[in-house]
Amino acid sequence: MALKKLILSLLALLLVGCSAPAFQPVTLSTPTATPPPVSVEGPDLAGYFQGFTGAFVLYDRGRDQTYRYNQQRCAEQLLPASTFKILNALIGLETGVIPDENYVIHWDGTRYPNPVWNQDHTLKTALQNSVVWYYQELARRVGREKMKHYVQAAGYGNQDISGKIDSFWLDGGLRISADEQVAFLKRLYQDDLPLSKRSMQIVRDMLVLEKTGDYRLSGKTGSGQMSGNSIGWFVGYVEAQENVFFFATNIASASDEAQGVKAKEITHQILQSLELLP
């Protein structure tokens, strides 16, 4: 398999000693540990990120190895944008503000550029279509006190919810790195967040994007603006080869081309190159 060959080649390079890495394997002792730099030359992923500043993290659960492209960028905290909908949904369920994934919030008639937003939505359809207004209303119903409690309890990014209660993940103080996205997803997958197993299972089910006999892909995109740049996220995990691979990709650009859809496309290409997706 390509991934096995990749690991063997990286170990061989480590023995001979190589220059500063573009893509690096390290072992994490804890979900939020910061790994030391490893002087290993790995596959150059720069071709996937042409025109963007970007980062990619892949955690191989079976081997307890993390691979990184642009290690410094992987540790840089950015606005989570719509990737925060994962935790927002968990908090809504945990607080009882919404009972389940089928709970409907009615559209108030405001017209949005994305036509699919202009209708009633459930928690599930709003996650699948990244309906901002639904999750803004959810956050308002949760309220600042409970929201702060659960963001801190989950150890999500910098845990700063300063700004408006219904947009702090879009234009407020909340920040999270690609490394932290992977650590959070790993805890969600393993029922290791301070939340009920029911809430975590509902959200995991909603995150599934593709499912075949060979693999299951789960994830969430995010798009936003930060420091004059557009940013795009795609975070999630692939269950394949009797293993789980957690990933986070972010991109940024001075143009408006850095969007979640593009980050998802780049991630697909990388995962295909590693033979984790067909």
C-alpha atoms as a PDB file:
ATOM      1  CA  MET A   1       0.000   0.000   0.000  1.00  0.00           C
ATOM      2  CA  ALA A   2       1.101   3.565  -0.695  1.00  0.00           C
ATOM      3  CA  LEU A   3       0.875   4.577   2.963  1.00  0.00           C
ATOM      4  CA  LYS A   4       3.076   1.664   4.067  1.00  0.00           C
ATOM      5  CA  LYS A   5       5.666   2.572   1.421  1.00  0.00           C
ATOM      6  CA  LEU A   6       5.487   6.195   2.560  1.00  0.00           C
ATOM      7  CA  ILE A   7       6.264   5.268   6.169  1.00  0.00           C
ATOM      8  CA  LEU A   8       9.164   2.994   5.194  1.00  0.00           C
ATOM      9  CA  SER A   9      10.677   5.685   2.981  1.00  0.00           C
ATOM     10  CA  LEU A  10      10.403   8.279   5.723  1.00  0.00           C
ATOM     11  CA  LEU A  11      12.164   5.991   8.208  1.00  0.00           C
ATOM     12  CA  ALA A  12      14.952   5.352   5.698  1.00  0.00           C
ATOM     13  CA  LEU A  13      15.436   9.072   5.168  1.00  0.00           C
ATOM     14  CA  LEU A  14      15.572   9.646   8.911  1.00  0.00           C
ATOM     15  CA  LEU A  15      18.504   7.223   9.202  1.00  0.00           C
ATOM     16  CA  VAL A  16      20.564   9.089   6.646  1.00  0.00           C
ATOM     17  CA  GLY A  17      19.608  12.527   7.932  1.00  0.00           C
ATOM     18  CA  CYS A  18      17.703  15.037   5.834  1.00  0.00           C
ATOM     19  CA  SER A  19      17.055  18.752   5.690  1.00  0.00           C
ATOM     20  CA  ALA A  20      14.063  20.682   7.041  1.00  0.00           C
ATOM     21  CA  PRO A  21      10.795  18.906   6.231  1.00  0.00           C
ATOM     22  CA  ALA A  22       7.856  19.788   4.057  1.00  0.00           C
ATOM     23  CA  PHE A  23       5.747  16.866   5.327  1.00  0.00           C
ATOM     24  CA  GLN A  24       6.572  15.204   8.644  1.00  0.00           C
ATOM     25  CA  PRO A  25       5.698  12.176  10.778  1.00  0.00           C
ATOM     26  CA  VAL A  26       5.715  12.498  14.573  1.00  0.00           C
ATOM     27  CA  THR A  27       4.102  10.625  17.433  1.00  0.00           C
ATOM     28  CA  LEU A  28       1.645  12.447  19.678  1.00  0.00           C
ATOM     29  CA  SER A  29       1.701  11.504  23.344  1.00  0.00           C
ATOM     30  CA  THR A  30      -1.586  13.317  24.014  1.00  0.00           C
ATOM     31  CA  PRO A  31      -4.332  14.690  21.725  1.00  0.00           C
ATOM     32  CA  THR A  32      -3.100  18.264  22.150  1.00  0.00           C
ATOM     33  CA  ALA A  33       0.664  17.659  22.406  1.00  0.00           C
ATOM     34  CA  THR A  34       2.970  19.821  20.306  1.00  0.00           C
ATOM     35  CA  PRO A  35       5.436  17.519  18.544  1.00  0.00           C
ATOM     36  CA  PRO A  36       9.136  18.367  18.250  1.00  0.00           C
ATOM     37  CA  PRO A  37      10.474  19.122  14.754  1.00  0.00           C
ATOM     38  CA  VAL A  38      11.664  16.011  12.929  1.00  0.00           C
ATOM     39  CA  SER A  39      14.366  16.326  10.272  1.00  0.00           C
ATOM     40  CA  VAL A  40      12.781  14.090   7.658  1.00  0.00           C
ATOM     41  CA  GLU A  41      12.280  14.826   3.973  1.00  0.00           C
ATOM     42  CA  GLY A  42       8.830  13.598   2.964  1.00  0.00           C
ATOM     43  CA  PRO A  43       6.562  13.873  -0.072  1.00  0.00           C
ATOM     44  CA  ASP A  44       6.262  17.451  -1.254  1.00  0.00           C
ATOM     45  CA  LEU A  45       2.589  18.468  -1.141  1.00  0.00           C
ATOM     46  CA  ALA A  46       3.215  22.006  -2.345  1.00  0.00           C
ATOM     47  CA  GLY A  47       1.735  21.148  -5.725  1.00  0.00           C
ATOM     48  CA  TYR A  48      -1.683  20.669  -4.155  1.00  0.00           C
ATOM     49  CA  PHE A  49      -1.596  24.137  -2.599  1.00  0.00           C
ATOM     50  CA  GLN A  50      -0.558  26.241  -5.588  1.00  0.00           C
ATOM     51  CA  GLY A  51      -1.905  29.764  -5.211  1.00  0.00           C
ATOM     52  CA  PHE A  52      -2.640  29.304  -1.499  1.00  0.00           C
ATOM     53  CA  THR A  53      -0.958  29.417   1.866  1.00  0.00           C
ATOM     54  CA  GLY A  54      -1.987  26.095   3.317  1.00  0.00           C
ATOM     55  CA  ALA A  55      -1.552  23.316   5.829  1.00  0.00           C
ATOM     56  CA  PHE A  56      -2.474  19.640   6.010  1.00  0.00           C
ATOM     57  CA  VAL A  57      -2.491  17.286   9.004  1.00  0.00           C
ATOM     58  CA  LEU A  58      -3.180  13.544   8.885  1.00  0.00           C
ATOM     59  CA  TYR A  59      -3.289  11.445  12.049  1.00  0.00           C
ATOM     60  CA  ASP A  60      -2.996   7.689  11.495  1.00  0.00           C
ATOM     61  CA  ARG A  61      -4.714   6.152  14.505  1.00  0.00           C
ATOM     62  CA  GLY A  62      -3.454   2.616  13.911  1.00  0.00           C
ATOM     63  CA  ARG A  63       0.198   3.656  13.805  1.00  0.00           C
ATOM     64  CA  ASP A  64      -0.178   6.586  16.221  1.00  0.00           C
ATOM     65  CA  GLN A  65       1.598   8.788  13.686  1.00  0.00           C
ATOM     66  CA  THR A  66       0.844  12.334  12.535  1.00  0.00           C
ATOM     67  CA  TYR A  67       1.933  13.580   9.112  1.00  0.00           C
ATOM     68  CA  ARG A  68       2.147  17.287   8.438  1.00  0.00           C
ATOM     69  CA  TYR A  69       2.581  19.573   5.490  1.00  0.00           C
ATOM     70  CA  ASN A  70       3.755  23.054   6.582  1.00  0.00           C
ATOM     71  CA  GLN A  71       4.257  22.267  10.255  1.00  0.00           C
ATOM     72  CA  GLN A  72       4.357  25.896  11.407  1.00  0.00           C
ATOM     73  CA  ARG A  73       1.065  26.623   9.664  1.00  0.00           C
ATOM     74  CA  CYS A  74      -0.489  23.488  11.196  1.00  0.00           C
ATOM     75  CA  ALA A  75      -0.048  25.073  14.630  1.00  0.00           C
ATOM     76  CA  GLU A  76      -1.396  28.490  13.580  1.00  0.00           C
ATOM     77  CA  GLN A  77      -4.839  29.305  14.972  1.00  0.00           C
ATOM     78  CA  LEU A  78      -7.450  30.589  12.533  1.00  0.00           C
ATOM     79  CA  LEU A  79     -11.153  31.358  12.649  1.00  0.00           C
ATOM     80  CA  PRO A  80     -12.964  28.014  12.564  1.00  0.00           C
ATOM     81  CA  ALA A  81     -15.799  29.376  10.387  1.00  0.00           C
ATOM     82  CA  SER A  82     -18.413  26.696   9.705  1.00  0.00           C
ATOM     83  CA  THR A  83     -16.265  23.859  11.058  1.00  0.00           C
ATOM     84  CA  PHE A  84     -17.501  25.152  14.438  1.00  0.00           C
ATOM     85  CA  LYS A  85     -20.942  23.802  13.498  1.00  0.00           C
ATOM     86  CA  ILE A  86     -19.673  20.422  14.718  1.00  0.00           C
ATOM     87  CA  LEU A  87     -19.315  21.665  18.297  1.00  0.00           C
ATOM     88  CA  ASN A  88     -22.300  24.004  17.987  1.00  0.00           C
ATOM     89  CA  ALA A  89     -24.509  21.010  17.139  1.00  0.00           C
ATOM     90  CA  LEU A  90     -23.072  19.020  20.048  1.00  0.00           C
ATOM     91  CA  ILE A  91     -23.786  21.868  22.465  1.00  0.00           C
ATOM     92  CA  GLY A  92     -27.318  22.344  21.166  1.00  0.00           C
ATOM     93  CA  LEU A  93     -28.050  18.662  21.754  1.00  0.00           C
ATOM     94  CA  GLU A  94     -26.309  18.519  25.111  1.00  0.00           C
ATOM     95  CA  THR A  95     -28.156  21.536  26.527  1.00  0.00           C
ATOM     96  CA  GLY A  96     -31.524  20.261  25.298  1.00  0.00           C
ATOM     97  CA  VAL A  97     -32.073  23.353  23.173  1.00  0.00           C
ATOM     98  CA  ILE A  98     -32.765  20.897  20.361  1.00  0.00           C
ATOM     99  CA  PRO A  99     -33.901  17.298  20.970  1.00  0.00           C
ATOM    100  CA  ASP A 100     -32.369  15.573  17.956  1.00  0.00           C
ATOM    101  CA  GLU A 101     -31.056  15.917  14.418  1.00  0.00           C
ATOM    102  CA  ASN A 102     -34.575  16.273  12.996  1.00  0.00           C
ATOM    103  CA  TYR A 103     -35.468  19.397  14.943  1.00  0.00           C
ATOM    104  CA  VAL A 104     -36.817  22.077  12.604  1.00  0.00           C
ATOM    105  CA  ILE A 105     -36.099  25.787  12.874  1.00  0.00           C
ATOM    106  CA  HIS A 106     -38.304  27.773  10.530  1.00  0.00           C
ATOM    107  CA  TRP A 107     -36.811  30.122   7.968  1.00  0.00           C
ATOM    108  CA  ASP A 108     -37.728  33.749   8.754  1.00  0.00           C
ATOM    109  CA  GLY A 109     -38.013  34.804   5.109  1.00  0.00           C
ATOM    110  CA  THR A 110     -34.640  36.556   4.840  1.00  0.00           C
ATOM    111  CA  ARG A 111     -33.271  35.973   1.341  1.00  0.00           C
ATOM    112  CA  TYR A 112     -29.742  34.533   1.121  1.00  0.00           C
ATOM    113  CA  PRO A 113     -27.428  34.189  -1.918  1.00  0.00           C
ATOM    114  CA  ASN A 114     -27.395  30.419  -1.398  1.00  0.00           C
ATOM    115  CA  PRO A 115     -30.914  29.309  -2.474  1.00  0.00           C
ATOM    116  CA  VAL A 116     -30.875  26.151  -0.365  1.00  0.00           C
ATOM    117  CA  TRP A 117     -30.755  28.312   2.780  1.00  0.00           C
ATOM    118  CA  ASN A 118     -34.093  29.920   1.914  1.00  0.00           C
ATOM    119  CA  GLN A 119     -36.294  27.294   3.530  1.00  0.00           C
ATOM    120  CA  ASP A 120     -36.907  25.526   6.820  1.00  0.00           C
ATOM    121  CA  HIS A 121     -34.075  23.296   8.012  1.00  0.00           C
ATOM    122  CA  THR A 122     -33.336  20.579  10.535  1.00  0.00           C
ATOM    123  CA  LEU A 123     -30.106  20.301  12.483  1.00  0.00           C
ATOM    124  CA  LYS A 124     -28.977  17.643  10.009  1.00  0.00           C
ATOM    125  CA  THR A 125     -29.875  19.430   6.771  1.00  0.00           C
ATOM    126  CA  ALA A 126     -28.418  22.672   8.131  1.00  0.00           C
ATOM    127  CA  LEU A 127     -25.115  20.905   8.803  1.00  0.00           C
ATOM    128  CA  GLN A 128     -25.087  19.232   5.397  1.00  0.00           C
ATOM    129  CA  ASN A 129     -25.803  22.532   3.611  1.00  0.00           C
ATOM    130  CA  SER A 130     -23.792  24.707   6.032  1.00  0.00           C
ATOM    131  CA  VAL A 131     -26.819  26.894   6.753  1.00  0.00           C
ATOM    132  CA  VAL A 132     -25.387  29.762   8.776  1.00  0.00           C
ATOM    133  CA  TRP A 133     -28.696  31.231   9.996  1.00  0.00           C
ATOM    134  CA  TYR A 134     -29.781  27.941  11.583  1.00  0.00           C
ATOM    135  CA  TYR A 135     -26.637  27.635  13.673  1.00  0.00           C
ATOM    136  CA  GLN A 136     -26.759  31.321  14.561  1.00  0.00           C
ATOM    137  CA  GLU A 137     -30.256  30.826  15.970  1.00  0.00           C
ATOM    138  CA  LEU A 138     -29.061  27.704  17.760  1.00  0.00           C
ATOM    139  CA  ALA A 139     -26.232  29.688  19.400  1.00  0.00           C
ATOM    140  CA  ARG A 140     -28.649  32.422  20.501  1.00  0.00           C
ATOM    141  CA  ARG A 141     -30.890  29.826  22.146  1.00  0.00           C
ATOM    142  CA  VAL A 142     -27.933  28.195  23.916  1.00  0.00           C
ATOM    143  CA  GLY A 143     -26.786  31.573  25.270  1.00  0.00           C
ATOM    144  CA  ARG A 144     -23.353  32.884  26.157  1.00  0.00           C
ATOM    145  CA  GLU A 145     -22.992  31.268  29.585  1.00  0.00           C
ATOM    146  CA  LYS A 146     -23.673  27.705  28.457  1.00  0.00           C
ATOM    147  CA  MET A 147     -21.803  28.200  25.202  1.00  0.00           C
ATOM    148  CA  LYS A 148     -18.695  29.364  27.058  1.00  0.00           C
ATOM    149  CA  HIS A 149     -18.941  26.456  29.476  1.00  0.00           C
ATOM    150  CA  TYR A 150     -19.020  23.805  26.765  1.00  0.00           C
ATOM    151  CA  VAL A 151     -16.410  25.425  24.509  1.00  0.00           C
ATOM    152  CA  GLN A 152     -14.032  25.459  27.474  1.00  0.00           C
ATOM    153  CA  ALA A 153     -15.007  21.966  28.615  1.00  0.00           C
ATOM    154  CA  ALA A 154     -14.265  20.623  25.126  1.00  0.00           C
ATOM    155  CA  GLY A 155     -10.929  22.475  25.061  1.00  0.00           C
ATOM    156  CA  TYR A 156     -11.836  23.844  21.648  1.00  0.00           C
ATOM    157  CA  GLY A 157      -9.039  25.965  20.168  1.00  0.00           C
ATOM    158  CA  ASN A 158      -8.316  29.116  22.168  1.00  0.00           C
ATOM    159  CA  GLN A 159     -11.745  28.822  23.878  1.00  0.00           C
ATOM    160  CA  ASP A 160     -12.413  32.527  23.278  1.00  0.00           C
ATOM    161  CA  ILE A 161     -16.052  33.260  22.406  1.00  0.00           C
ATOM    162  CA  SER A 162     -15.704  37.046  22.580  1.00  0.00           C
ATOM    163  CA  GLY A 163     -17.813  38.875  20.026  1.00  0.00           C
ATOM    164  CA  LYS A 164     -21.450  38.347  19.129  1.00  0.00           C
ATOM    165  CA  ILE A 165     -22.994  35.153  20.460  1.00  0.00           C
ATOM    166  CA  ASP A 166     -24.291  34.318  16.985  1.00  0.00           C
ATOM    167  CA  SER A 167     -21.096  34.950  15.015  1.00  0.00           C
ATOM    168  CA  PHE A 168     -18.015  34.661  17.270  1.00  0.00           C
ATOM    169  CA  TRP A 169     -16.805  31.698  15.172  1.00  0.00           C
ATOM    170  CA  LEU A 170     -17.086  33.821  12.010  1.00  0.00           C
ATOM    171  CA  ASP A 171     -15.819  37.254  13.085  1.00  0.00           C
ATOM    172  CA  GLY A 172     -15.126  37.083  16.825  1.00  0.00           C
ATOM    173  CA  GLY A 173     -12.319  35.827  19.025  1.00  0.00           C
ATOM    174  CA  LEU A 174     -12.506  32.065  18.490  1.00  0.00           C
ATOM    175  CA  ARG A 175      -9.441  30.496  16.862  1.00  0.00           C
ATOM    176  CA  ILE A 176      -8.351  26.899  16.227  1.00  0.00           C
ATOM    177  CA  SER A 177      -5.371  25.316  14.474  1.00  0.00           C
ATOM    178  CA  ALA A 178      -5.283  22.351  12.124  1.00  0.00           C
ATOM    179  CA  ASP A 179      -3.525  20.349  14.851  1.00  0.00           C
ATOM    180  CA  GLU A 180      -6.304  21.251  17.298  1.00  0.00           C
ATOM    181  CA  GLN A 181      -9.018  20.372  14.781  1.00  0.00           C
ATOM    182  CA  VAL A 182      -7.563  16.874  14.504  1.00  0.00           C
ATOM    183  CA  ALA A 183      -7.277  16.521  18.286  1.00  0.00           C
ATOM    184  CA  PHE A 184     -10.922  17.582  18.686  1.00  0.00           C
ATOM    185  CA  LEU A 185     -12.160  15.164  16.010  1.00  0.00           C
ATOM    186  CA  LYS A 186     -10.161  12.342  17.535  1.00  0.00           C
ATOM    187  CA  ARG A 187     -11.882  12.938  20.882  1.00  0.00           C
ATOM    188  CA  LEU A 188     -15.301  13.115  19.208  1.00  0.00           C
ATOM    189  CA  TYR A 189     -14.699   9.822  17.415  1.00  0.00           C
ATOM    190  CA  GLN A 190     -13.535   8.102  20.597  1.00  0.00           C
ATOM    191  CA  ASP A 191     -16.421   9.382  22.788  1.00  0.00           C
ATOM    192  CA  ASP A 192     -13.783  11.273  24.745  1.00  0.00           C
ATOM    193  CA  LEU A 193     -15.477  14.686  24.957  1.00  0.00           C
ATOM    194  CA  PRO A 194     -17.256  15.742  28.192  1.00  0.00           C
ATOM    195  CA  LEU A 195     -20.615  15.178  26.512  1.00  0.00           C
ATOM    196  CA  SER A 196     -23.152  12.388  26.346  1.00  0.00           C
ATOM    197  CA  LYS A 197     -22.472   9.468  24.018  1.00  0.00           C
ATOM    198  CA  ARG A 198     -25.887  10.102  22.469  1.00  0.00           C
ATOM    199  CA  SER A 199     -24.978  13.645  21.419  1.00  0.00           C
ATOM    200  CA  MET A 200     -21.645  12.526  20.001  1.00  0.00           C
ATOM    201  CA  GLN A 201     -23.204   9.649  18.061  1.00  0.00           C
ATOM    202  CA  ILE A 202     -25.859  11.903  16.516  1.00  0.00           C
ATOM    203  CA  VAL A 203     -23.229  14.371  15.323  1.00  0.00           C
ATOM    204  CA  ARG A 204     -20.913  11.648  14.019  1.00  0.00           C
ATOM    205  CA  ASP A 205     -23.806  10.256  11.978  1.00  0.00           C
ATOM    206  CA  MET A 206     -24.550  13.714  10.550  1.00  0.00           C
ATOM    207  CA  LEU A 207     -20.932  14.194   9.475  1.00  0.00           C
ATOM    208  CA  VAL A 208     -20.876  11.192   7.109  1.00  0.00           C
ATOM    209  CA  LEU A 209     -20.361  12.404   3.521  1.00  0.00           C
ATOM    210  CA  GLU A 210     -19.531   9.225   1.596  1.00  0.00           C
ATOM    211  CA  LYS A 211     -19.940   5.550   2.453  1.00  0.00           C
ATOM    212  CA  THR A 212     -18.987   2.420   0.511  1.00  0.00           C
ATOM    213  CA  GLY A 213     -17.913  -1.091   1.381  1.00  0.00           C
ATOM    214  CA  ASP A 214     -14.280   0.038   1.420  1.00  0.00           C
ATOM    215  CA  TYR A 215     -14.354   3.349   3.244  1.00  0.00           C
ATOM    216  CA  ARG A 216     -16.434   5.970   5.028  1.00  0.00           C
ATOM    217  CA  LEU A 217     -15.603   9.672   4.771  1.00  0.00           C
ATOM    218  CA  SER A 218     -16.885  12.137   7.373  1.00  0.00           C
ATOM    219  CA  GLY A 219     -16.176  15.853   7.429  1.00  0.00           C
ATOM    220  CA  LYS A 220     -17.170  19.494   7.436  1.00  0.00           C
ATOM    221  CA  THR A 221     -16.118  22.474   5.337  1.00  0.00           C
ATOM    222  CA  GLY A 222     -15.730  26.054   6.473  1.00  0.00           C
ATOM    223  CA  SER A 223     -15.220  29.377   4.686  1.00  0.00           C
ATOM    224  CA  GLY A 224     -14.531  32.833   6.053  1.00  0.00           C
ATOM    225  CA  GLN A 225     -12.511  36.040   6.070  1.00  0.00           C
ATOM    226  CA  MET A 226      -9.563  36.787   8.327  1.00  0.00           C
ATOM    227  CA  SER A 227      -6.932  39.541   8.225  1.00  0.00           C
ATOM    228  CA  GLY A 228      -7.905  40.548   4.713  1.00  0.00           C
ATOM    229  CA  ASN A 229      -7.662  37.011   3.357  1.00  0.00           C
ATOM    230  CA  SER A 230     -10.255  34.409   2.498  1.00  0.00           C
ATOM    231  CA  ILE A 231      -9.814  31.130   4.382  1.00  0.00           C
ATOM    232  CA  GLY A 232     -11.117  27.658   3.712  1.00  0.00           C
ATOM    233  CA  TRP A 233     -11.254  24.554   5.882  1.00  0.00           C
ATOM    234  CA  PHE A 234     -12.022  20.892   5.409  1.00  0.00           C
ATOM    235  CA  VAL A 235     -11.762  18.700   8.511  1.00  0.00           C
ATOM    236  CA  GLY A 236     -12.858  15.156   9.212  1.00  0.00           C
ATOM    237  CA  TYR A 237     -11.745  11.532   9.113  1.00  0.00           C
ATOM    238  CA  VAL A 238     -11.652   8.489   6.864  1.00  0.00           C
ATOM    239  CA  GLU A 239     -12.447   5.006   8.121  1.00  0.00           C
ATOM    240  CA  ALA A 240     -10.603   2.624   5.790  1.00  0.00           C
ATOM    241  CA  GLN A 241      -8.238  -0.354   5.825  1.00  0.00           C
ATOM    242  CA  GLU A 242      -9.492  -1.294   9.314  1.00  0.00           C
ATOM    243  CA  ASN A 243      -8.084   2.008  10.546  1.00  0.00           C
ATOM    244  CA  VAL A 244      -9.107   5.642  11.059  1.00  0.00           C
ATOM    245  CA  PHE A 245      -7.281   8.630   9.558  1.00  0.00           C
ATOM    246  CA  PHE A 246      -8.139  12.060  10.962  1.00  0.00           C
ATOM    247  CA  PHE A 247      -7.334  15.109   8.851  1.00  0.00           C
ATOM    248  CA  ALA A 248      -7.519  18.890   8.719  1.00  0.00           C
ATOM    249  CA  THR A 249      -6.748  21.128   5.755  1.00  0.00           C
ATOM    250  CA  ASN A 250      -6.752  24.909   5.695  1.00  0.00           C
ATOM    251  CA  ILE A 251      -5.993  27.334   2.891  1.00  0.00           C
ATOM    252  CA  ALA A 252      -5.769  31.119   2.666  1.00  0.00           C
ATOM    253  CA  SER A 253      -5.580  33.609  -0.191  1.00  0.00           C
ATOM    254  CA  ALA A 254      -5.750  37.348  -0.776  1.00  0.00           C
ATOM    255  CA  SER A 255      -8.396  36.562  -3.397  1.00  0.00           C
ATOM    256  CA  ASP A 256     -11.764  34.991  -2.596  1.00  0.00           C
ATOM    257  CA  GLU A 257     -10.669  31.599  -3.950  1.00  0.00           C
ATOM    258  CA  ALA A 258      -9.803  30.083  -0.556  1.00  0.00           C
ATOM    259  CA  GLN A 259     -13.109  28.447   0.280  1.00  0.00           C
ATOM    260  CA  GLY A 260     -14.156  25.290   2.070  1.00  0.00           C
ATOM    261  CA  VAL A 261     -15.096  23.628  -1.214  1.00  0.00           C
ATOM    262  CA  LYS A 262     -11.543  24.152  -2.509  1.00  0.00           C
ATOM    263  CA  ALA A 263     -10.020  22.866   0.745  1.00  0.00           C
ATOM    264  CA  LYS A 264     -12.200  19.763   0.379  1.00  0.00           C
ATOM    265  CA  GLU A 265     -11.026  19.275  -3.201  1.00  0.00           C
ATOM    266  CA  ILE A 266      -7.366  19.520  -2.169  1.00  0.00           C
ATOM    267  CA  THR A 267      -7.934  17.073   0.692  1.00  0.00           C
ATOM    268  CA  HIS A 268      -9.582  14.566  -1.641  1.00  0.00           C
ATOM    269  CA  GLN A 269      -6.586  14.722  -3.968  1.00  0.00           C
ATOM    270  CA  ILE A 270      -4.125  14.127  -1.127  1.00  0.00           C
ATOM    271  CA  LEU A 271      -6.149  11.263   0.349  1.00  0.00           C
ATOM    272  CA  GLN A 272      -6.420   9.681  -3.095  1.00  0.00           C
ATOM    273  CA  SER A 273      -2.650   9.929  -3.524  1.00  0.00           C
ATOM    274  CA  LEU A 274      -2.291   7.997  -0.241  1.00  0.00           C
ATOM    275  CA  GLU A 275      -4.832   5.415  -1.477  1.00  0.00           C
ATOM    276  CA  LEU A 276      -7.214   6.195   1.384  1.00  0.00           C
ATOM    277  CA  LEU A 277      -9.919   7.243  -1.093  1.00  0.00           C
ATOM    278  CA  PRO A 278     -10.544   5.772  -4.554  1.00  0.00           C
END
